[in-house]
C-alpha cells in the first residue's frame, strides 16, 4: 500500500523572481491578458452574463465563481453605510459588478463600482457596450 502523500508532486505556478518589470516581460510566454484568446473568452463570458441579466435568468455559476462572496460582503457593508465604493483591480469586463446587479439590484444606486484594467481590456468593454451590451 502506498501513501498518497508520496504520490503528490509539488506544482509551482510562480517560479523565480525578477529584478525589474522589463526582465519579467522578457521572460513572458504568450500575450496573457493582452491576447486574443483572453479577449474572446472575456467577451463571451460578459455577453452571456449580460444576456442572463436582461432576461431575468441566473448568471451562469461558472462565470461568477470568483465573485460569489461579493454580494454577501457588500450587503453586510450596506447595513452600516449609506454608500460604499468598490475598487476592482483587474475586474475585466465587470462580471463582479454584474453579480451584484443580479444579487442586490435595488442597492446598486448605493454602490460606486470602479474597475482598474489594462487598456486592451477597457477597449473590449467599450466595444461590448457600444454594441448595445
N, C-alpha and C. Protein backbone atom coordinates (compact mmCIF):
# COMPACT_ATOMS: atom_id res chain seq x y z
N UNK A 1 0.85 -1.18 0.00
CA UNK A 1 0.00 0.00 0.00
C UNK A 1 0.90 1.24 0.00
N UNK A 2 0.57 2.19 -0.87
CA UNK A 2 1.38 3.40 -0.94
C UNK A 2 0.68 4.55 -0.24
N UNK A 3 1.47 5.40 0.27
CA UNK A 3 0.97 6.60 0.94
C UNK A 3 0.63 7.63 -0.13
N UNK A 4 -0.58 8.19 -0.07
CA UNK A 4 -0.99 9.15 -1.11
C UNK A 4 -0.14 10.41 -1.10
N UNK A 5 0.41 10.78 0.03
CA UNK A 5 1.25 11.97 0.06
C UNK A 5 2.55 11.76 -0.71
N UNK A 6 2.96 10.49 -0.86
CA UNK A 6 4.15 10.20 -1.66
C UNK A 6 3.88 10.39 -3.15
N UNK A 7 2.62 10.31 -3.54
CA UNK A 7 2.26 10.43 -4.95
C UNK A 7 2.02 11.88 -5.38
N UNK A 8 1.85 12.77 -4.43
CA UNK A 8 1.57 14.16 -4.76
C UNK A 8 2.87 14.86 -5.11
N UNK A 9 2.91 15.42 -6.28
CA UNK A 9 4.09 16.16 -6.72
C UNK A 9 3.81 17.65 -6.60
N UNK A 10 4.75 18.40 -6.09
CA UNK A 10 4.52 19.85 -5.95
C UNK A 10 4.35 20.50 -7.31
N UNK A 11 3.46 21.45 -7.35
CA UNK A 11 3.17 22.19 -8.57
C UNK A 11 3.37 23.67 -8.27
N UNK A 12 4.31 24.27 -8.94
CA UNK A 12 4.61 25.67 -8.68
C UNK A 12 4.24 26.50 -9.91
N UNK A 13 3.28 27.40 -9.74
CA UNK A 13 2.94 28.26 -10.85
C UNK A 13 3.78 29.54 -10.83
N UNK A 14 4.30 29.89 -9.67
CA UNK A 14 5.14 31.08 -9.54
C UNK A 14 6.57 30.60 -9.32
N UNK A 15 7.39 30.82 -10.29
CA UNK A 15 8.78 30.39 -10.15
C UNK A 15 9.70 31.56 -10.44
N UNK A 16 10.65 31.76 -9.58
CA UNK A 16 11.65 32.80 -9.78
C UNK A 16 11.17 34.17 -9.38
N UNK A 17 12.11 35.07 -9.41
CA UNK A 17 11.80 36.47 -9.16
C UNK A 17 12.61 37.29 -10.15
N UNK A 18 12.18 38.50 -10.38
CA UNK A 18 12.81 39.35 -11.38
C UNK A 18 13.22 40.67 -10.74
N UNK A 19 14.36 41.19 -11.15
CA UNK A 19 14.83 42.44 -10.55
C UNK A 19 14.01 43.66 -10.98
N UNK A 20 13.32 43.56 -12.13
CA UNK A 20 12.52 44.68 -12.60
C UNK A 20 11.45 44.17 -13.57
N UNK A 21 10.53 45.05 -13.91
CA UNK A 21 9.41 44.67 -14.77
C UNK A 21 9.89 44.25 -16.16
N UNK A 22 10.88 44.93 -16.69
CA UNK A 22 11.39 44.61 -18.03
C UNK A 22 11.92 43.18 -18.09
N UNK A 23 12.58 42.73 -17.05
CA UNK A 23 13.09 41.36 -17.01
C UNK A 23 11.95 40.35 -16.99
N UNK A 24 10.89 40.67 -16.27
CA UNK A 24 9.74 39.79 -16.21
C UNK A 24 9.05 39.72 -17.58
N UNK A 25 8.91 40.86 -18.23
CA UNK A 25 8.28 40.90 -19.55
C UNK A 25 9.09 40.08 -20.55
N UNK A 26 10.40 40.17 -20.47
CA UNK A 26 11.27 39.43 -21.39
C UNK A 26 11.09 37.92 -21.22
N UNK A 27 10.75 37.47 -20.03
CA UNK A 27 10.59 36.04 -19.76
C UNK A 27 9.16 35.55 -20.01
N UNK A 28 8.24 36.46 -20.31
CA UNK A 28 6.84 36.08 -20.50
C UNK A 28 6.66 35.18 -21.71
N UNK A 29 5.66 34.33 -21.61
CA UNK A 29 5.31 33.43 -22.72
C UNK A 29 3.86 33.72 -23.09
N UNK A 30 3.64 34.16 -24.29
CA UNK A 30 2.29 34.46 -24.75
C UNK A 30 1.85 35.87 -24.36
N UNK A 31 0.68 36.22 -24.84
CA UNK A 31 0.17 37.58 -24.65
C UNK A 31 -0.59 37.78 -23.34
N UNK A 32 -0.95 36.69 -22.66
CA UNK A 32 -1.66 36.81 -21.39
C UNK A 32 -2.96 37.57 -21.52
N UNK A 33 -3.18 38.52 -20.62
CA UNK A 33 -4.42 39.29 -20.60
C UNK A 33 -4.52 40.26 -21.77
N UNK A 34 -3.45 40.43 -22.51
CA UNK A 34 -3.49 41.30 -23.69
C UNK A 34 -3.77 40.50 -24.96
N UNK A 35 -3.92 39.21 -24.83
CA UNK A 35 -4.03 38.35 -26.00
C UNK A 35 -5.45 38.16 -26.51
N UNK A 36 -5.52 37.65 -27.70
CA UNK A 36 -6.79 37.44 -28.38
C UNK A 36 -7.63 36.34 -27.70
N UNK A 37 -6.99 35.30 -27.19
CA UNK A 37 -7.73 34.23 -26.52
C UNK A 37 -8.45 34.78 -25.30
N UNK A 38 -7.74 35.55 -24.47
CA UNK A 38 -8.36 36.14 -23.28
C UNK A 38 -9.49 37.08 -23.69
N UNK A 39 -9.26 37.90 -24.71
CA UNK A 39 -10.27 38.87 -25.15
C UNK A 39 -11.55 38.16 -25.59
N UNK A 40 -11.40 37.15 -26.42
CA UNK A 40 -12.58 36.43 -26.91
C UNK A 40 -13.34 35.74 -25.78
N UNK A 41 -12.62 35.09 -24.89
CA UNK A 41 -13.28 34.39 -23.78
C UNK A 41 -13.96 35.37 -22.82
N UNK A 42 -13.32 36.49 -22.58
CA UNK A 42 -13.91 37.50 -21.70
C UNK A 42 -15.17 38.10 -22.30
N UNK A 43 -15.11 38.40 -23.59
CA UNK A 43 -16.30 38.94 -24.27
C UNK A 43 -17.44 37.94 -24.26
N UNK A 44 -17.13 36.68 -24.48
CA UNK A 44 -18.17 35.64 -24.47
C UNK A 44 -18.81 35.55 -23.08
N UNK A 45 -17.98 35.53 -22.04
CA UNK A 45 -18.50 35.44 -20.67
C UNK A 45 -19.35 36.65 -20.33
N UNK A 46 -18.85 37.84 -20.64
CA UNK A 46 -19.60 39.06 -20.33
C UNK A 46 -20.91 39.11 -21.11
N UNK A 47 -20.89 38.69 -22.36
CA UNK A 47 -22.10 38.67 -23.18
C UNK A 47 -23.13 37.72 -22.59
N UNK A 48 -22.68 36.54 -22.14
CA UNK A 48 -23.60 35.58 -21.52
C UNK A 48 -24.18 36.13 -20.22
N UNK A 49 -23.36 36.81 -19.43
CA UNK A 49 -23.83 37.39 -18.17
C UNK A 49 -24.85 38.50 -18.43
N UNK A 50 -24.55 39.36 -19.38
CA UNK A 50 -25.48 40.45 -19.71
C UNK A 50 -26.81 39.89 -20.23
N UNK A 51 -26.74 38.87 -21.06
CA UNK A 51 -27.96 38.25 -21.59
C UNK A 51 -28.80 37.66 -20.45
N UNK A 52 -28.14 37.02 -19.50
CA UNK A 52 -28.86 36.46 -18.35
C UNK A 52 -29.54 37.57 -17.55
N UNK A 53 -28.83 38.65 -17.28
CA UNK A 53 -29.42 39.76 -16.54
C UNK A 53 -30.63 40.35 -17.27
N UNK A 54 -30.50 40.54 -18.58
CA UNK A 54 -31.59 41.13 -19.37
C UNK A 54 -32.82 40.24 -19.43
N UNK A 55 -32.63 38.93 -19.33
CA UNK A 55 -33.76 38.00 -19.42
C UNK A 55 -34.21 37.48 -18.06
N UNK A 56 -33.71 38.11 -16.99
CA UNK A 56 -34.05 37.70 -15.62
C UNK A 56 -33.75 36.24 -15.35
N UNK A 57 -32.68 35.75 -15.93
CA UNK A 57 -32.20 34.40 -15.67
C UNK A 57 -30.93 34.49 -14.83
N UNK A 58 -30.58 33.44 -14.10
CA UNK A 58 -29.34 33.48 -13.30
C UNK A 58 -28.10 33.56 -14.19
N UNK A 59 -27.13 34.32 -13.73
CA UNK A 59 -25.84 34.33 -14.39
C UNK A 59 -25.23 32.94 -14.20
N UNK A 60 -24.68 32.34 -15.24
CA UNK A 60 -24.08 31.01 -15.07
C UNK A 60 -23.04 31.00 -13.94
N UNK A 61 -23.14 30.02 -13.08
CA UNK A 61 -22.26 29.95 -11.90
C UNK A 61 -20.79 29.95 -12.29
N UNK A 62 -20.45 29.34 -13.40
CA UNK A 62 -19.06 29.30 -13.84
C UNK A 62 -18.49 30.71 -14.00
N UNK A 63 -19.29 31.63 -14.52
CA UNK A 63 -18.81 32.99 -14.77
C UNK A 63 -18.65 33.80 -13.48
N UNK A 64 -19.50 33.56 -12.52
CA UNK A 64 -19.44 34.38 -11.31
C UNK A 64 -18.73 33.71 -10.15
N UNK A 65 -18.03 32.61 -10.42
CA UNK A 65 -17.40 31.86 -9.33
C UNK A 65 -16.38 32.68 -8.54
N UNK A 66 -15.72 33.64 -9.18
CA UNK A 66 -14.73 34.46 -8.46
C UNK A 66 -15.39 35.56 -7.64
N UNK A 67 -16.68 35.76 -7.84
CA UNK A 67 -17.39 36.85 -7.16
C UNK A 67 -18.48 36.36 -6.23
N UNK A 68 -18.48 35.10 -5.87
CA UNK A 68 -19.60 34.56 -5.10
C UNK A 68 -19.76 35.20 -3.72
N UNK A 69 -18.68 35.63 -3.12
CA UNK A 69 -18.78 36.24 -1.79
C UNK A 69 -19.08 37.74 -1.85
N UNK A 70 -18.89 38.34 -2.99
CA UNK A 70 -19.04 39.79 -3.11
C UNK A 70 -20.43 40.29 -2.71
N UNK A 71 -21.53 39.71 -3.20
CA UNK A 71 -22.85 40.23 -2.80
C UNK A 71 -23.09 40.17 -1.29
N UNK A 72 -22.66 39.10 -0.66
CA UNK A 72 -22.85 38.98 0.78
C UNK A 72 -22.06 40.05 1.53
N UNK A 73 -20.81 40.22 1.16
CA UNK A 73 -19.96 41.22 1.81
C UNK A 73 -20.52 42.62 1.60
N UNK A 74 -20.92 42.92 0.37
CA UNK A 74 -21.47 44.24 0.06
C UNK A 74 -22.77 44.47 0.82
N UNK A 75 -23.63 43.47 0.85
CA UNK A 75 -24.90 43.61 1.58
C UNK A 75 -24.66 43.88 3.06
N UNK A 76 -23.67 43.21 3.66
CA UNK A 76 -23.35 43.46 5.07
C UNK A 76 -22.82 44.88 5.26
N UNK A 77 -21.98 45.33 4.35
CA UNK A 77 -21.44 46.68 4.45
C UNK A 77 -22.54 47.73 4.29
N UNK A 78 -23.49 47.47 3.40
CA UNK A 78 -24.57 48.42 3.19
C UNK A 78 -25.50 48.49 4.39
N UNK A 79 -25.43 47.49 5.27
CA UNK A 79 -26.20 47.55 6.51
C UNK A 79 -25.70 48.65 7.44
N UNK A 80 -24.42 49.02 7.30
CA UNK A 80 -23.82 50.04 8.16
C UNK A 80 -23.56 51.36 7.44
N UNK A 81 -23.52 51.33 6.13
CA UNK A 81 -23.14 52.53 5.37
C UNK A 81 -24.24 52.88 4.38
N UNK A 82 -24.40 54.15 4.14
CA UNK A 82 -25.37 54.61 3.14
C UNK A 82 -24.85 54.37 1.73
N UNK A 83 -23.53 54.53 1.57
CA UNK A 83 -22.89 54.41 0.25
C UNK A 83 -21.57 53.70 0.45
N UNK A 84 -21.19 52.83 -0.50
CA UNK A 84 -19.87 52.23 -0.45
C UNK A 84 -19.20 52.37 -1.81
N UNK A 85 -17.88 52.33 -1.78
CA UNK A 85 -17.08 52.38 -3.00
C UNK A 85 -16.30 51.09 -3.12
N UNK A 86 -16.30 50.54 -4.32
CA UNK A 86 -15.55 49.32 -4.59
C UNK A 86 -14.56 49.63 -5.70
N UNK A 87 -13.30 49.31 -5.46
CA UNK A 87 -12.25 49.46 -6.46
C UNK A 87 -11.79 48.05 -6.83
N UNK A 88 -12.09 47.65 -8.05
CA UNK A 88 -11.84 46.28 -8.51
C UNK A 88 -10.65 46.28 -9.46
N UNK A 89 -9.48 45.94 -8.92
CA UNK A 89 -8.27 45.85 -9.75
C UNK A 89 -8.33 44.56 -10.57
N UNK A 90 -8.21 44.71 -11.87
CA UNK A 90 -8.27 43.54 -12.74
C UNK A 90 -9.67 42.98 -12.86
N UNK A 91 -10.67 43.84 -12.80
CA UNK A 91 -12.07 43.43 -12.82
C UNK A 91 -12.60 43.03 -14.19
N UNK A 92 -11.72 43.00 -15.18
CA UNK A 92 -12.14 42.55 -16.51
C UNK A 92 -13.28 43.36 -17.08
N UNK A 93 -14.27 42.67 -17.58
CA UNK A 93 -15.42 43.33 -18.22
C UNK A 93 -16.60 43.48 -17.26
N UNK A 94 -16.34 43.36 -15.97
CA UNK A 94 -17.36 43.72 -14.98
C UNK A 94 -18.25 42.60 -14.49
N UNK A 95 -17.79 41.37 -14.53
CA UNK A 95 -18.64 40.28 -14.06
C UNK A 95 -18.89 40.39 -12.55
N UNK A 96 -17.94 40.93 -11.81
CA UNK A 96 -18.18 41.18 -10.38
C UNK A 96 -19.34 42.13 -10.18
N UNK A 97 -19.37 43.20 -10.96
CA UNK A 97 -20.47 44.16 -10.88
C UNK A 97 -21.78 43.50 -11.32
N UNK A 98 -21.72 42.69 -12.38
CA UNK A 98 -22.93 42.02 -12.84
C UNK A 98 -23.47 41.07 -11.79
N UNK A 99 -22.58 40.45 -11.02
CA UNK A 99 -23.00 39.57 -9.92
C UNK A 99 -23.76 40.38 -8.87
N UNK A 100 -23.29 41.59 -8.60
CA UNK A 100 -24.02 42.47 -7.67
C UNK A 100 -25.37 42.86 -8.26
N UNK A 101 -25.39 43.19 -9.55
CA UNK A 101 -26.63 43.58 -10.20
C UNK A 101 -27.67 42.47 -10.13
N UNK A 102 -27.22 41.24 -10.21
CA UNK A 102 -28.13 40.10 -10.12
C UNK A 102 -28.61 39.90 -8.68
N UNK A 103 -27.71 40.06 -7.72
CA UNK A 103 -27.99 39.70 -6.33
C UNK A 103 -28.68 40.79 -5.52
N UNK A 104 -28.25 42.02 -5.70
CA UNK A 104 -28.82 43.12 -4.91
C UNK A 104 -29.14 44.32 -5.82
N UNK A 105 -30.02 44.12 -6.80
CA UNK A 105 -30.28 45.17 -7.78
C UNK A 105 -30.82 46.47 -7.18
N UNK A 106 -31.61 46.37 -6.13
CA UNK A 106 -32.19 47.58 -5.54
C UNK A 106 -31.14 48.46 -4.86
N UNK A 107 -29.99 47.90 -4.54
CA UNK A 107 -28.96 48.66 -3.83
C UNK A 107 -27.84 49.16 -4.73
N UNK A 108 -27.92 48.90 -6.03
CA UNK A 108 -26.83 49.33 -6.93
C UNK A 108 -26.60 50.83 -6.88
N UNK A 109 -27.65 51.59 -6.66
CA UNK A 109 -27.51 53.06 -6.61
C UNK A 109 -26.68 53.51 -5.40
N UNK A 110 -26.48 52.63 -4.45
CA UNK A 110 -25.69 52.95 -3.26
C UNK A 110 -24.23 52.50 -3.38
N UNK A 111 -23.88 51.96 -4.56
CA UNK A 111 -22.54 51.42 -4.78
C UNK A 111 -21.85 52.18 -5.90
N UNK A 112 -20.66 52.65 -5.61
CA UNK A 112 -19.80 53.22 -6.65
C UNK A 112 -18.77 52.15 -6.97
N UNK A 113 -18.84 51.58 -8.16
CA UNK A 113 -18.02 50.43 -8.55
C UNK A 113 -17.07 50.87 -9.65
N UNK A 114 -15.78 50.82 -9.39
CA UNK A 114 -14.77 51.23 -10.35
C UNK A 114 -13.85 50.05 -10.65
N UNK A 115 -13.61 49.84 -11.94
CA UNK A 115 -12.70 48.77 -12.37
C UNK A 115 -11.43 49.41 -12.91
N UNK A 116 -10.29 48.92 -12.45
CA UNK A 116 -8.99 49.34 -12.98
C UNK A 116 -8.50 48.19 -13.84
N UNK A 117 -8.24 48.49 -15.12
CA UNK A 117 -7.88 47.44 -16.06
C UNK A 117 -6.86 47.95 -17.07
N UNK A 118 -6.29 47.02 -17.81
CA UNK A 118 -5.37 47.34 -18.90
C UNK A 118 -6.15 47.95 -20.06
N UNK A 119 -5.46 48.73 -20.87
CA UNK A 119 -6.11 49.42 -21.98
C UNK A 119 -6.83 48.46 -22.92
N UNK A 120 -6.23 47.32 -23.21
CA UNK A 120 -6.85 46.36 -24.12
C UNK A 120 -8.19 45.86 -23.59
N UNK A 121 -8.25 45.61 -22.30
CA UNK A 121 -9.49 45.14 -21.69
C UNK A 121 -10.53 46.26 -21.66
N UNK A 122 -10.08 47.47 -21.37
CA UNK A 122 -11.00 48.62 -21.40
C UNK A 122 -11.60 48.79 -22.79
N UNK A 123 -10.79 48.64 -23.81
CA UNK A 123 -11.29 48.77 -25.18
C UNK A 123 -12.32 47.68 -25.48
N UNK A 124 -12.08 46.47 -25.02
CA UNK A 124 -13.06 45.39 -25.22
C UNK A 124 -14.38 45.74 -24.53
N UNK A 125 -14.30 46.32 -23.34
CA UNK A 125 -15.51 46.73 -22.63
C UNK A 125 -16.26 47.82 -23.37
N UNK A 126 -15.53 48.79 -23.91
CA UNK A 126 -16.18 49.85 -24.69
C UNK A 126 -16.84 49.27 -25.94
N UNK A 127 -16.14 48.33 -26.59
CA UNK A 127 -16.70 47.68 -27.79
C UNK A 127 -17.98 46.91 -27.42
N UNK A 128 -17.95 46.20 -26.31
CA UNK A 128 -19.10 45.42 -25.87
C UNK A 128 -20.30 46.31 -25.65
N UNK A 129 -20.12 47.40 -24.94
CA UNK A 129 -21.25 48.27 -24.60
C UNK A 129 -21.67 49.16 -25.77
N UNK A 130 -20.77 49.41 -26.70
CA UNK A 130 -21.13 50.17 -27.90
C UNK A 130 -22.10 49.35 -28.76
N UNK A 131 -21.99 48.03 -28.65
CA UNK A 131 -22.86 47.13 -29.41
C UNK A 131 -24.20 46.88 -28.74
N UNK A 132 -24.50 47.65 -27.71
CA UNK A 132 -25.78 47.50 -27.04
C UNK A 132 -25.74 46.55 -25.86
N UNK A 133 -24.54 46.09 -25.47
CA UNK A 133 -24.42 45.17 -24.35
C UNK A 133 -24.56 45.83 -23.02
